[in-house]
N, C-alpha and C. Protein backbone atom coordinates (compact mmCIF):
# COMPACT_ATOMS: atom_id res chain seq x y z
N MET A 1 -0.04 -6.21 -4.80
CA MET A 1 -0.37 -5.80 -6.14
C MET A 1 -1.35 -6.77 -6.78
N PHE A 2 -1.23 -8.04 -6.44
CA PHE A 2 -2.15 -9.02 -7.03
C PHE A 2 -3.58 -8.80 -6.55
N LEU A 3 -3.75 -8.31 -5.33
CA LEU A 3 -5.09 -8.01 -4.82
C LEU A 3 -5.73 -6.89 -5.64
N LEU A 4 -4.93 -5.96 -6.08
CA LEU A 4 -5.43 -4.81 -6.84
C LEU A 4 -5.61 -5.10 -8.32
N TYR A 5 -5.02 -6.15 -8.81
CA TYR A 5 -4.97 -6.47 -10.24
C TYR A 5 -6.33 -6.39 -10.90
N ARG A 6 -6.43 -5.53 -11.89
CA ARG A 6 -7.65 -5.31 -12.68
C ARG A 6 -8.85 -4.86 -11.85
N GLY A 7 -8.62 -4.48 -10.63
CA GLY A 7 -9.72 -4.06 -9.77
C GLY A 7 -9.93 -2.56 -9.80
N SER A 8 -10.84 -2.12 -8.97
CA SER A 8 -11.18 -0.70 -8.90
C SER A 8 -10.01 0.17 -8.45
N TYR A 9 -9.11 -0.41 -7.67
CA TYR A 9 -8.03 0.37 -7.06
C TYR A 9 -6.66 0.10 -7.67
N VAL A 10 -6.61 -0.47 -8.86
CA VAL A 10 -5.32 -0.80 -9.47
C VAL A 10 -4.47 0.45 -9.70
N GLY A 11 -5.08 1.62 -9.72
CA GLY A 11 -4.31 2.86 -9.84
C GLY A 11 -3.30 3.03 -8.72
N PHE A 12 -3.59 2.47 -7.53
CA PHE A 12 -2.61 2.51 -6.45
C PHE A 12 -1.33 1.79 -6.88
N ALA A 13 -1.50 0.66 -7.56
CA ALA A 13 -0.33 -0.09 -8.05
C ALA A 13 0.43 0.76 -9.07
N GLY A 14 -0.30 1.42 -9.95
CA GLY A 14 0.35 2.30 -10.93
C GLY A 14 1.14 3.40 -10.25
N ALA A 15 0.55 4.01 -9.24
CA ALA A 15 1.24 5.07 -8.50
C ALA A 15 2.47 4.52 -7.79
N GLY A 16 2.35 3.31 -7.25
CA GLY A 16 3.49 2.68 -6.60
C GLY A 16 4.62 2.39 -7.57
N ILE A 17 4.25 1.89 -8.75
CA ILE A 17 5.25 1.63 -9.78
C ILE A 17 5.98 2.91 -10.15
N VAL A 18 5.23 3.98 -10.34
CA VAL A 18 5.85 5.26 -10.71
C VAL A 18 6.74 5.79 -9.59
N GLY A 19 6.32 5.63 -8.35
CA GLY A 19 7.16 6.06 -7.23
C GLY A 19 8.48 5.32 -7.20
N GLU A 20 8.43 4.00 -7.39
CA GLU A 20 9.65 3.20 -7.43
C GLU A 20 10.49 3.56 -8.67
N TYR A 21 9.83 3.78 -9.77
CA TYR A 21 10.48 4.18 -11.03
C TYR A 21 11.26 5.47 -10.84
N ASN A 22 10.66 6.42 -10.16
CA ASN A 22 11.31 7.71 -9.91
C ASN A 22 12.45 7.61 -8.90
N ALA A 23 12.35 6.68 -7.97
CA ALA A 23 13.30 6.60 -6.87
C ALA A 23 14.55 5.78 -7.18
N TYR A 24 14.43 4.80 -8.06
CA TYR A 24 15.53 3.85 -8.24
C TYR A 24 15.95 3.75 -9.71
N PRO A 25 17.15 4.24 -10.04
CA PRO A 25 17.61 4.19 -11.43
C PRO A 25 17.65 2.77 -12.01
N ASP A 26 18.01 1.77 -11.19
CA ASP A 26 18.05 0.40 -11.71
C ASP A 26 16.66 -0.10 -12.09
N LEU A 27 15.66 0.28 -11.32
CA LEU A 27 14.29 -0.12 -11.63
C LEU A 27 13.77 0.66 -12.84
N LYS A 28 14.12 1.92 -12.92
CA LYS A 28 13.74 2.73 -14.08
C LYS A 28 14.30 2.11 -15.36
N GLU A 29 15.56 1.72 -15.31
CA GLU A 29 16.19 1.10 -16.48
C GLU A 29 15.46 -0.19 -16.88
N TYR A 30 15.12 -1.01 -15.89
CA TYR A 30 14.39 -2.26 -16.16
C TYR A 30 13.02 -1.97 -16.78
N ILE A 31 12.29 -1.04 -16.18
CA ILE A 31 10.95 -0.73 -16.68
C ILE A 31 11.04 -0.15 -18.09
N ASP A 32 11.94 0.80 -18.30
CA ASP A 32 12.08 1.41 -19.63
C ASP A 32 12.38 0.35 -20.70
N ALA A 33 13.15 -0.65 -20.35
CA ALA A 33 13.53 -1.69 -21.31
C ALA A 33 12.42 -2.71 -21.54
N ASN A 34 11.46 -2.80 -20.62
CA ASN A 34 10.48 -3.88 -20.68
C ASN A 34 9.03 -3.45 -20.77
N VAL A 35 8.79 -2.18 -20.99
CA VAL A 35 7.41 -1.70 -21.04
C VAL A 35 7.07 -1.29 -22.48
N TYR A 36 5.83 -1.54 -22.85
CA TYR A 36 5.33 -1.09 -24.15
C TYR A 36 5.10 0.42 -24.13
N PRO A 37 4.92 1.04 -25.29
CA PRO A 37 4.67 2.49 -25.33
C PRO A 37 3.48 2.93 -24.48
N ASN A 38 2.43 2.10 -24.38
CA ASN A 38 1.30 2.50 -23.53
C ASN A 38 1.68 2.49 -22.06
N GLY A 39 2.65 1.68 -21.67
CA GLY A 39 3.17 1.71 -20.31
C GLY A 39 3.97 2.97 -20.05
N THR A 40 4.76 3.37 -21.03
CA THR A 40 5.50 4.63 -20.92
C THR A 40 4.53 5.80 -20.79
N ALA A 41 3.45 5.75 -21.56
CA ALA A 41 2.44 6.82 -21.50
C ALA A 41 1.77 6.85 -20.13
N LEU A 42 1.50 5.68 -19.55
CA LEU A 42 0.89 5.63 -18.22
C LEU A 42 1.83 6.25 -17.19
N ILE A 43 3.10 5.91 -17.26
CA ILE A 43 4.07 6.47 -16.31
C ILE A 43 4.11 7.99 -16.43
N LYS A 44 4.19 8.49 -17.64
CA LYS A 44 4.23 9.94 -17.84
C LYS A 44 2.95 10.61 -17.36
N ASP A 45 1.82 9.95 -17.57
CA ASP A 45 0.55 10.52 -17.12
C ASP A 45 0.51 10.61 -15.59
N ILE A 46 0.91 9.56 -14.92
CA ILE A 46 0.89 9.57 -13.45
C ILE A 46 1.92 10.55 -12.90
N GLN A 47 3.05 10.69 -13.57
CA GLN A 47 4.09 11.63 -13.13
C GLN A 47 3.63 13.08 -13.25
N ASP A 48 2.58 13.32 -13.99
CA ASP A 48 2.11 14.68 -14.26
C ASP A 48 1.31 15.26 -13.09
N ASN A 49 1.83 15.06 -11.87
CA ASN A 49 1.24 15.64 -10.66
C ASN A 49 -0.24 15.33 -10.48
N LYS A 50 -0.62 14.13 -10.77
CA LYS A 50 -2.00 13.70 -10.54
C LYS A 50 -2.20 13.40 -9.06
N CYS A 51 -3.37 13.71 -8.56
CA CYS A 51 -3.67 13.30 -7.19
C CYS A 51 -4.06 11.82 -7.23
N ILE A 52 -3.94 11.16 -6.11
CA ILE A 52 -4.16 9.71 -6.07
C ILE A 52 -5.59 9.35 -6.47
N LEU A 53 -6.56 10.19 -6.14
CA LEU A 53 -7.94 9.90 -6.54
C LEU A 53 -8.07 9.89 -8.06
N GLN A 54 -7.42 10.85 -8.74
CA GLN A 54 -7.44 10.86 -10.20
C GLN A 54 -6.82 9.58 -10.77
N VAL A 55 -5.71 9.17 -10.20
CA VAL A 55 -5.03 7.97 -10.67
C VAL A 55 -5.93 6.75 -10.49
N VAL A 56 -6.54 6.63 -9.31
CA VAL A 56 -7.41 5.48 -9.05
C VAL A 56 -8.59 5.47 -10.01
N LEU A 57 -9.23 6.60 -10.20
CA LEU A 57 -10.39 6.66 -11.09
C LEU A 57 -9.99 6.44 -12.56
N ASN A 58 -8.89 7.02 -12.99
CA ASN A 58 -8.48 6.91 -14.39
C ASN A 58 -8.03 5.51 -14.78
N TYR A 59 -7.52 4.76 -13.83
CA TYR A 59 -6.95 3.45 -14.18
C TYR A 59 -7.72 2.28 -13.59
N SER A 60 -8.89 2.52 -13.09
CA SER A 60 -9.72 1.45 -12.54
C SER A 60 -9.90 0.34 -13.57
N GLY A 61 -9.62 -0.88 -13.16
CA GLY A 61 -9.80 -2.04 -14.02
C GLY A 61 -8.67 -2.30 -15.00
N LYS A 62 -7.65 -1.46 -15.00
CA LYS A 62 -6.54 -1.59 -15.95
C LYS A 62 -5.71 -2.84 -15.65
N ASP A 63 -5.29 -3.52 -16.70
CA ASP A 63 -4.38 -4.66 -16.57
C ASP A 63 -2.95 -4.12 -16.65
N VAL A 64 -2.35 -3.81 -15.52
CA VAL A 64 -1.02 -3.21 -15.52
C VAL A 64 0.04 -4.17 -16.04
N PHE A 65 -0.17 -5.46 -15.88
CA PHE A 65 0.82 -6.42 -16.38
C PHE A 65 0.87 -6.43 -17.91
N SER A 66 -0.23 -6.08 -18.55
CA SER A 66 -0.25 -6.06 -20.02
C SER A 66 0.59 -4.92 -20.60
N LEU A 67 1.04 -4.02 -19.76
CA LEU A 67 1.89 -2.92 -20.21
C LEU A 67 3.33 -3.36 -20.41
N PHE A 68 3.64 -4.56 -19.93
CA PHE A 68 5.02 -5.06 -19.98
C PHE A 68 5.21 -6.08 -21.10
N LYS A 69 6.40 -6.08 -21.66
CA LYS A 69 6.76 -7.02 -22.72
C LYS A 69 7.07 -8.41 -22.16
N VAL A 70 7.39 -8.48 -20.89
CA VAL A 70 7.74 -9.75 -20.25
C VAL A 70 6.51 -10.32 -19.56
N LYS A 71 6.45 -11.65 -19.48
CA LYS A 71 5.26 -12.32 -18.94
C LYS A 71 5.04 -12.01 -17.46
N ASP A 72 6.09 -12.07 -16.67
CA ASP A 72 5.97 -11.87 -15.23
C ASP A 72 6.94 -10.77 -14.78
N PRO A 73 6.55 -9.51 -14.95
CA PRO A 73 7.49 -8.42 -14.66
C PRO A 73 7.92 -8.34 -13.20
N LEU A 74 7.16 -8.92 -12.30
CA LEU A 74 7.53 -8.85 -10.88
C LEU A 74 8.60 -9.86 -10.49
N SER A 75 8.89 -10.83 -11.36
CA SER A 75 9.85 -11.87 -11.00
C SER A 75 11.31 -11.49 -11.27
N ALA A 76 11.54 -10.41 -11.98
CA ALA A 76 12.92 -9.99 -12.28
C ALA A 76 13.66 -9.67 -10.99
N PRO A 77 14.93 -10.06 -10.90
CA PRO A 77 15.70 -9.81 -9.67
C PRO A 77 15.68 -8.36 -9.21
N VAL A 78 15.81 -7.40 -10.12
CA VAL A 78 15.81 -5.99 -9.72
C VAL A 78 14.47 -5.62 -9.09
N VAL A 79 13.39 -6.15 -9.60
CA VAL A 79 12.06 -5.86 -9.05
C VAL A 79 11.92 -6.52 -7.69
N GLN A 80 12.30 -7.78 -7.59
CA GLN A 80 12.21 -8.49 -6.31
C GLN A 80 13.03 -7.79 -5.23
N ASN A 81 14.22 -7.35 -5.60
CA ASN A 81 15.08 -6.63 -4.65
C ASN A 81 14.39 -5.39 -4.11
N ARG A 82 13.84 -4.59 -5.00
CA ARG A 82 13.19 -3.34 -4.56
C ARG A 82 11.89 -3.62 -3.81
N LEU A 83 11.13 -4.60 -4.24
CA LEU A 83 9.90 -4.94 -3.50
C LEU A 83 10.24 -5.37 -2.08
N ASN A 84 11.21 -6.27 -1.95
CA ASN A 84 11.60 -6.74 -0.62
C ASN A 84 12.17 -5.62 0.24
N GLN A 85 12.88 -4.72 -0.38
CA GLN A 85 13.46 -3.59 0.35
C GLN A 85 12.38 -2.65 0.87
N ASN A 86 11.29 -2.53 0.15
CA ASN A 86 10.30 -1.51 0.47
C ASN A 86 9.00 -2.03 1.07
N ILE A 87 8.93 -3.30 1.38
CA ILE A 87 7.74 -3.81 2.07
C ILE A 87 7.77 -3.28 3.50
N LEU A 88 6.67 -2.73 3.91
CA LEU A 88 6.56 -2.14 5.24
C LEU A 88 7.03 -3.12 6.31
N GLY A 89 8.01 -2.70 7.10
CA GLY A 89 8.52 -3.51 8.19
C GLY A 89 9.72 -4.37 7.84
N ASN A 90 10.02 -4.53 6.56
CA ASN A 90 11.13 -5.39 6.16
C ASN A 90 12.49 -4.85 6.56
N ASP A 91 12.56 -3.58 6.91
CA ASP A 91 13.86 -3.01 7.29
C ASP A 91 14.19 -3.28 8.76
N GLY A 92 13.28 -3.95 9.47
CA GLY A 92 13.52 -4.28 10.87
C GLY A 92 13.25 -3.16 11.84
N SER A 93 12.78 -2.03 11.36
CA SER A 93 12.51 -0.91 12.25
C SER A 93 11.24 -1.16 13.07
N THR A 94 11.16 -0.45 14.17
CA THR A 94 10.01 -0.56 15.07
C THR A 94 9.35 0.80 15.19
N LEU A 95 8.04 0.82 15.10
CA LEU A 95 7.31 2.07 15.29
C LEU A 95 7.63 2.64 16.66
N SER A 96 7.89 3.92 16.71
CA SER A 96 8.27 4.54 17.98
C SER A 96 7.15 5.37 18.60
N VAL A 97 6.02 5.46 17.93
CA VAL A 97 4.88 6.19 18.48
C VAL A 97 3.69 5.25 18.60
N LYS A 98 2.82 5.57 19.54
CA LYS A 98 1.59 4.79 19.68
C LYS A 98 0.83 4.83 18.36
N THR A 99 0.24 3.71 18.00
CA THR A 99 -0.42 3.59 16.71
C THR A 99 -1.73 2.83 16.87
N ILE A 100 -2.70 3.20 16.06
CA ILE A 100 -3.93 2.43 15.98
C ILE A 100 -4.11 2.00 14.54
N MET A 101 -4.55 0.78 14.36
CA MET A 101 -4.82 0.26 13.02
C MET A 101 -6.21 -0.35 13.03
N TYR A 102 -7.09 0.15 12.17
CA TYR A 102 -8.40 -0.46 11.95
C TYR A 102 -8.30 -1.24 10.65
N HIS A 103 -8.78 -2.46 10.68
CA HIS A 103 -8.70 -3.25 9.45
C HIS A 103 -9.83 -4.25 9.41
N SER A 104 -10.40 -4.41 8.23
CA SER A 104 -11.48 -5.37 8.03
C SER A 104 -10.97 -6.61 7.32
N ASP A 105 -11.57 -7.72 7.64
CA ASP A 105 -11.21 -8.97 6.98
C ASP A 105 -11.59 -8.99 5.50
N LYS A 106 -12.38 -8.04 5.07
CA LYS A 106 -12.81 -7.97 3.66
C LYS A 106 -12.17 -6.79 2.93
N ASP A 107 -11.07 -6.25 3.48
CA ASP A 107 -10.39 -5.12 2.84
C ASP A 107 -10.02 -5.50 1.41
N ASP A 108 -10.34 -4.63 0.49
CA ASP A 108 -10.08 -4.90 -0.92
C ASP A 108 -8.89 -4.12 -1.47
N ILE A 109 -8.10 -3.53 -0.58
CA ILE A 109 -6.89 -2.82 -0.99
C ILE A 109 -5.67 -3.40 -0.29
N ILE A 110 -5.73 -3.52 1.02
CA ILE A 110 -4.61 -4.07 1.79
C ILE A 110 -5.07 -5.38 2.41
N PRO A 111 -4.43 -6.48 2.07
CA PRO A 111 -4.86 -7.77 2.62
C PRO A 111 -4.86 -7.77 4.15
N PHE A 112 -5.95 -8.24 4.72
CA PHE A 112 -6.09 -8.29 6.18
C PHE A 112 -4.92 -9.03 6.82
N GLU A 113 -4.57 -10.17 6.25
CA GLU A 113 -3.50 -10.99 6.84
C GLU A 113 -2.18 -10.23 6.88
N ASP A 114 -1.90 -9.44 5.85
CA ASP A 114 -0.66 -8.66 5.82
C ASP A 114 -0.66 -7.59 6.91
N ALA A 115 -1.78 -6.91 7.07
CA ALA A 115 -1.88 -5.87 8.10
C ALA A 115 -1.76 -6.48 9.49
N GLN A 116 -2.44 -7.59 9.70
CA GLN A 116 -2.39 -8.26 11.00
C GLN A 116 -0.97 -8.76 11.31
N LYS A 117 -0.32 -9.32 10.31
CA LYS A 117 1.06 -9.80 10.48
C LYS A 117 1.99 -8.64 10.84
N TYR A 118 1.83 -7.52 10.14
CA TYR A 118 2.66 -6.35 10.43
C TYR A 118 2.47 -5.89 11.87
N ALA A 119 1.22 -5.78 12.31
CA ALA A 119 0.94 -5.35 13.68
C ALA A 119 1.54 -6.33 14.69
N THR A 120 1.37 -7.61 14.45
CA THR A 120 1.90 -8.64 15.35
C THR A 120 3.42 -8.56 15.44
N GLU A 121 4.08 -8.42 14.28
CA GLU A 121 5.54 -8.31 14.27
C GLU A 121 6.01 -7.05 14.97
N GLN A 122 5.32 -5.95 14.75
CA GLN A 122 5.69 -4.70 15.42
C GLN A 122 5.53 -4.83 16.93
N CYS A 123 4.43 -5.42 17.37
CA CYS A 123 4.22 -5.61 18.81
C CYS A 123 5.31 -6.48 19.41
N ALA A 124 5.73 -7.52 18.69
CA ALA A 124 6.79 -8.39 19.17
C ALA A 124 8.12 -7.64 19.31
N ARG A 125 8.29 -6.57 18.55
CA ARG A 125 9.51 -5.75 18.63
C ARG A 125 9.39 -4.65 19.68
N GLY A 126 8.22 -4.54 20.32
CA GLY A 126 8.05 -3.54 21.36
C GLY A 126 7.21 -2.34 20.98
N ALA A 127 6.65 -2.33 19.79
CA ALA A 127 5.79 -1.21 19.39
C ALA A 127 4.48 -1.26 20.16
N SER A 128 3.80 -0.13 20.19
CA SER A 128 2.48 -0.03 20.84
C SER A 128 1.43 0.17 19.75
N ILE A 129 0.76 -0.91 19.38
CA ILE A 129 -0.25 -0.85 18.32
C ILE A 129 -1.55 -1.44 18.82
N ASN A 130 -2.58 -0.64 18.74
CA ASN A 130 -3.93 -1.13 19.01
C ASN A 130 -4.51 -1.54 17.66
N PHE A 131 -4.55 -2.84 17.39
CA PHE A 131 -5.05 -3.36 16.12
C PHE A 131 -6.51 -3.75 16.32
N VAL A 132 -7.38 -3.05 15.62
CA VAL A 132 -8.82 -3.31 15.73
C VAL A 132 -9.26 -4.05 14.48
N ALA A 133 -9.70 -5.28 14.65
CA ALA A 133 -10.15 -6.10 13.53
C ALA A 133 -11.67 -6.06 13.43
N ASP A 134 -12.14 -5.77 12.25
CA ASP A 134 -13.57 -5.75 11.98
C ASP A 134 -13.89 -6.77 10.90
N SER A 135 -15.16 -6.99 10.70
CA SER A 135 -15.59 -7.97 9.71
C SER A 135 -16.57 -7.36 8.72
N GLY A 136 -16.38 -7.71 7.46
CA GLY A 136 -17.38 -7.42 6.46
C GLY A 136 -17.26 -6.13 5.68
N GLN A 137 -16.37 -5.23 6.06
CA GLN A 137 -16.27 -3.94 5.37
C GLN A 137 -15.17 -3.99 4.31
N ASN A 138 -15.39 -3.31 3.20
CA ASN A 138 -14.28 -3.10 2.27
C ASN A 138 -13.43 -1.95 2.82
N HIS A 139 -12.37 -1.58 2.10
CA HIS A 139 -11.43 -0.58 2.60
C HIS A 139 -12.11 0.77 2.87
N ILE A 140 -12.84 1.26 1.89
CA ILE A 140 -13.49 2.56 2.03
C ILE A 140 -14.56 2.51 3.12
N GLY A 141 -15.34 1.45 3.14
CA GLY A 141 -16.36 1.29 4.18
C GLY A 141 -15.77 1.29 5.57
N GLU A 142 -14.64 0.61 5.73
CA GLU A 142 -13.96 0.57 7.02
C GLU A 142 -13.49 1.96 7.43
N GLU A 143 -12.90 2.68 6.49
CA GLU A 143 -12.44 4.03 6.79
C GLU A 143 -13.60 4.92 7.22
N LEU A 144 -14.68 4.85 6.49
CA LEU A 144 -15.84 5.69 6.81
C LEU A 144 -16.49 5.30 8.13
N SER A 145 -16.61 4.00 8.37
CA SER A 145 -17.29 3.56 9.59
C SER A 145 -16.45 3.81 10.84
N ARG A 146 -15.14 3.93 10.70
CA ARG A 146 -14.26 4.13 11.85
C ARG A 146 -13.75 5.56 11.98
N ALA A 147 -14.20 6.46 11.14
CA ALA A 147 -13.69 7.84 11.17
C ALA A 147 -13.88 8.51 12.52
N THR A 148 -15.05 8.38 13.11
CA THR A 148 -15.32 9.00 14.40
C THR A 148 -14.43 8.39 15.48
N ASP A 149 -14.32 7.06 15.49
CA ASP A 149 -13.45 6.39 16.47
C ASP A 149 -12.00 6.84 16.32
N LEU A 150 -11.57 6.97 15.08
CA LEU A 150 -10.20 7.39 14.84
C LEU A 150 -9.98 8.82 15.33
N GLY A 151 -10.93 9.69 15.09
CA GLY A 151 -10.84 11.06 15.59
C GLY A 151 -10.72 11.09 17.10
N LYS A 152 -11.50 10.27 17.78
CA LYS A 152 -11.43 10.19 19.25
C LYS A 152 -10.07 9.66 19.70
N TRP A 153 -9.55 8.66 18.97
CA TRP A 153 -8.26 8.09 19.34
C TRP A 153 -7.16 9.13 19.16
N ILE A 154 -7.20 9.89 18.07
CA ILE A 154 -6.18 10.92 17.84
C ILE A 154 -6.25 11.99 18.93
N ASP A 155 -7.45 12.35 19.34
CA ASP A 155 -7.60 13.31 20.43
C ASP A 155 -6.98 12.75 21.71
N ALA A 156 -7.27 11.48 22.00
CA ALA A 156 -6.70 10.84 23.19
C ALA A 156 -5.17 10.73 23.07
N PHE A 157 -4.69 10.47 21.88
CA PHE A 157 -3.24 10.40 21.64
C PHE A 157 -2.57 11.71 22.04
N HIS A 158 -3.16 12.82 21.62
CA HIS A 158 -2.57 14.13 21.94
C HIS A 158 -2.69 14.47 23.42
N LYS A 159 -3.62 13.85 24.10
CA LYS A 159 -3.75 14.04 25.55
C LYS A 159 -2.89 13.05 26.32
N GLY A 160 -2.29 12.09 25.61
CA GLY A 160 -1.46 11.08 26.26
C GLY A 160 -2.24 9.92 26.84
N THR A 161 -3.51 9.77 26.46
CA THR A 161 -4.35 8.72 27.05
C THR A 161 -4.81 7.67 26.03
N ALA A 162 -4.25 7.68 24.83
CA ALA A 162 -4.70 6.75 23.78
C ALA A 162 -4.37 5.32 24.14
N ASP A 163 -5.32 4.43 23.90
CA ASP A 163 -5.10 3.00 24.09
C ASP A 163 -4.33 2.48 22.89
N SER A 164 -3.13 2.06 23.15
CA SER A 164 -2.33 1.50 22.06
C SER A 164 -1.68 0.19 22.48
N ALA A 165 -2.29 -0.45 23.47
CA ALA A 165 -1.78 -1.73 23.92
C ALA A 165 -1.94 -2.76 22.81
N CYS A 166 -0.90 -3.55 22.59
CA CYS A 166 -1.00 -4.58 21.57
C CYS A 166 -2.07 -5.59 21.96
N LYS A 167 -2.99 -5.79 21.04
CA LYS A 167 -4.10 -6.70 21.30
C LYS A 167 -4.24 -7.65 20.16
């Protein structure tokens, strides 16, 4: 969330907050008690069946922390509990299908180190992940530059020939 803070993609954080808000009554109670009226309005707006592109565009550059009455809303025990519970891979599960991950060291949405750590941990548990590291692309640039490669990999996956050796 800190990578997204006040950036172009902070709407992803807003969507994530709303997803957690909808899923967990304890988190909803905490947010309702600690958010200003403009935060309540943001939650209601995102809940109004917005597509993720609308959310990203509408909230680009927004200071989501300013919506809260408390200085550090992420430090509350209820928030820490839910964040730790929902971080990808924290449940100890192992991917059961071959997977490919393309990631750039300049990703501006998902930190490269987090993605690389996840792939490494999954491989150590026996998952089959082909992690392709690139340099210099932001998130959207990486997606666009690797679209053809990904299409070929998916085709190979369906034929049973996809390279998913941990690298």
